[in-house]
Amino acid sequence: MLTTAPRLDLDEYWRVEHCHPVAVAGWWVLVLRRHARAIHDLTDDEATALGKWLPTLSRALHDATGCELEYVMQFAEGHGFHHVHFHIVARSHDWPDDLKGPRVLTAFGVADPIPPEAATRIIESLSRYIGVPTTTIVV
């Protein structure tokens, strides 16, 4: 079944979308818009933009979810994901111990993910926070 998901094209280098399927509302993926295998492959302009977007997205995620912390991860090693992208995850105040730190990855690829409407609300909150319109994609 096809569903739609909003994303934000932040600038000419980066876009952000809500990860799916995940068990956490507020799990964003910041994706480089061109292919690069590693962070050291970023151009100076891409790296400068990354330095702008990581704190901005973290603040927006806190604003949208009230999270206590934001986890940021970049591996680019998963099957089909050999591409620079950053996971930014809202870690709530009442976060369960079994999801803390790297164990958060157990909430990725779950059989019972958050509903698409929850992800859409959070991305739309980001859109309002930074003043960038959403683009709807079919996934």
Protein backbone atom coordinates (compact mmCIF):
# COMPACT_ATOMS: atom_id res chain seq x y z
CA MET A 1 0.00 0.00 0.00
CA LEU A 2 1.32 3.45 -0.89
CA THR A 3 1.34 6.11 1.79
CA THR A 4 2.43 9.70 1.70
CA ALA A 5 5.04 11.25 3.94
CA PRO A 6 6.07 14.87 4.25
CA ARG A 7 9.67 15.96 4.11
CA LEU A 8 11.45 19.27 4.17
CA ASP A 9 13.99 20.27 1.57
CA LEU A 10 16.12 22.41 3.89
CA ASP A 11 18.55 23.80 1.33
CA GLU A 12 20.45 22.65 -1.75
CA TYR A 13 22.44 20.17 0.37
CA TRP A 14 20.12 18.64 2.98
CA ARG A 15 16.56 17.39 3.47
CA VAL A 16 14.84 15.98 6.55
CA GLU A 17 12.01 13.50 6.98
CA HIS A 18 10.49 11.41 9.75
CA CYS A 19 11.93 7.91 9.86
CA HIS A 20 9.54 4.99 9.29
CA PRO A 21 8.86 2.41 10.61
CA VAL A 22 9.91 3.40 14.12
CA ALA A 23 8.33 3.19 17.56
CA VAL A 24 9.43 6.73 18.48
CA ALA A 25 7.56 9.89 17.52
CA GLY A 26 10.25 12.41 16.72
CA TRP A 27 12.83 10.27 14.89
CA TRP A 28 14.10 12.40 12.05
CA VAL A 29 16.56 11.56 9.32
CA LEU A 30 18.73 14.36 7.94
CA VAL A 31 19.81 13.24 4.48
CA LEU A 32 22.48 14.64 2.18
CA ARG A 33 20.79 15.36 -1.15
CA ARG A 34 23.70 14.08 -3.24
CA HIS A 35 25.43 10.75 -2.76
CA ALA A 36 28.45 10.69 -0.45
CA ARG A 37 29.63 7.58 1.36
CA ALA A 38 31.34 9.22 4.36
CA ILE A 39 31.37 12.46 6.32
CA HIS A 40 34.90 13.19 5.12
CA ASP A 41 33.47 13.30 1.57
CA LEU A 42 31.33 16.36 2.35
CA THR A 43 32.21 19.57 0.58
CA ASP A 44 32.97 22.59 2.75
CA ASP A 45 29.56 24.06 1.88
CA GLU A 46 27.75 20.81 2.81
CA ALA A 47 29.66 20.64 6.11
CA THR A 48 28.87 24.27 6.91
CA ALA A 49 25.17 23.65 6.23
CA LEU A 50 25.30 20.51 8.39
CA GLY A 51 26.73 22.62 11.21
CA LYS A 52 23.72 24.90 10.90
CA TRP A 53 21.06 22.20 10.61
CA LEU A 54 22.03 19.82 13.43
CA PRO A 55 21.47 22.35 16.24
CA THR A 56 18.48 23.93 14.49
CA LEU A 57 16.77 20.56 14.04
CA SER A 58 17.58 19.57 17.63
CA ARG A 59 15.97 22.77 18.94
CA ALA A 60 12.94 22.25 16.69
CA LEU A 61 12.63 18.63 17.83
CA HIS A 62 12.70 19.76 21.45
CA ASP A 63 10.06 22.37 20.65
CA ALA A 64 7.83 19.81 18.88
CA THR A 65 8.14 16.99 21.41
CA GLY A 66 9.37 18.47 24.69
CA CYS A 67 12.17 15.90 24.64
CA GLU A 68 14.87 15.89 27.32
CA LEU A 69 17.71 14.97 24.94
CA GLU A 70 18.28 14.48 21.24
CA TYR A 71 20.28 11.46 20.09
CA VAL A 72 22.28 11.96 16.88
CA MET A 73 23.66 8.95 14.98
CA GLN A 74 25.38 8.46 11.63
CA PHE A 75 26.51 5.02 10.47
CA ALA A 76 25.86 4.75 6.70
CA GLU A 77 26.50 1.00 6.79
CA GLY A 78 23.06 -0.60 6.70
CA HIS A 79 22.08 -2.62 3.66
CA GLY A 80 20.93 -0.10 1.05
CA PHE A 81 21.92 2.90 3.21
CA HIS A 82 25.57 3.48 2.24
CA HIS A 83 24.94 7.21 2.12
CA VAL A 84 25.59 10.05 4.57
CA HIS A 85 22.49 10.58 6.71
CA PHE A 86 21.96 11.43 10.37
CA HIS A 87 19.30 10.04 12.69
CA ILE A 88 18.08 12.65 15.19
CA VAL A 89 15.89 11.05 17.85
CA ALA A 90 13.78 12.75 20.52
CA ARG A 91 14.58 11.12 23.89
CA SER A 92 11.69 11.86 26.24
CA HIS A 93 11.85 12.54 30.00
CA ASP A 94 10.15 9.23 30.77
CA TRP A 95 12.31 7.22 28.37
CA PRO A 96 12.48 3.50 29.23
CA ASP A 97 15.91 2.15 30.22
CA ASP A 98 15.72 -0.51 27.49
CA LEU A 99 15.83 2.26 24.83
CA LYS A 100 18.60 4.42 26.30
CA GLY A 101 21.77 5.05 24.33
CA PRO A 102 22.48 2.71 21.41
CA ARG A 103 19.57 0.48 22.48
CA VAL A 104 17.32 3.07 20.82
CA LEU A 105 18.01 1.19 17.59
CA THR A 106 15.66 -1.58 18.80
CA ALA A 107 12.83 0.92 18.12
CA PHE A 108 13.83 1.04 14.42
CA GLY A 109 12.15 -1.22 11.86
CA VAL A 110 9.45 -2.34 14.27
CA ALA A 111 6.31 -4.26 13.35
CA ASP A 112 4.05 -1.80 15.22
CA PRO A 113 5.35 1.67 14.32
CA ILE A 114 3.91 5.03 15.27
CA PRO A 115 1.04 6.05 13.01
CA PRO A 116 1.92 8.14 9.95
CA GLU A 117 -0.26 10.95 11.29
CA ALA A 118 2.02 11.33 14.33
CA ALA A 119 5.10 11.59 12.12
CA THR A 120 3.33 14.09 9.87
CA ARG A 121 2.36 16.32 12.82
CA ILE A 122 5.98 16.45 14.00
CA ILE A 123 7.39 17.26 10.56
CA GLU A 124 4.73 19.94 10.10
CA SER A 125 5.77 21.40 13.47
CA LEU A 126 9.36 21.53 12.18
CA SER A 127 8.13 23.23 9.02
CA ARG A 128 6.50 25.98 11.07
CA TYR A 129 9.52 26.28 13.39
CA ILE A 130 12.05 26.89 10.61
CA GLY A 131 9.74 28.41 7.99
CA VAL A 132 10.39 25.82 5.27
CA PRO A 133 7.34 24.30 3.52
CA THR A 134 6.84 20.53 3.46
CA THR A 135 6.97 18.47 0.30
CA THR A 136 4.77 15.39 0.18
CA ILE A 137 6.39 12.25 -1.19
CA VAL A 138 4.89 8.86 -1.94
CA VAL A 139 6.59 6.03 -0.07
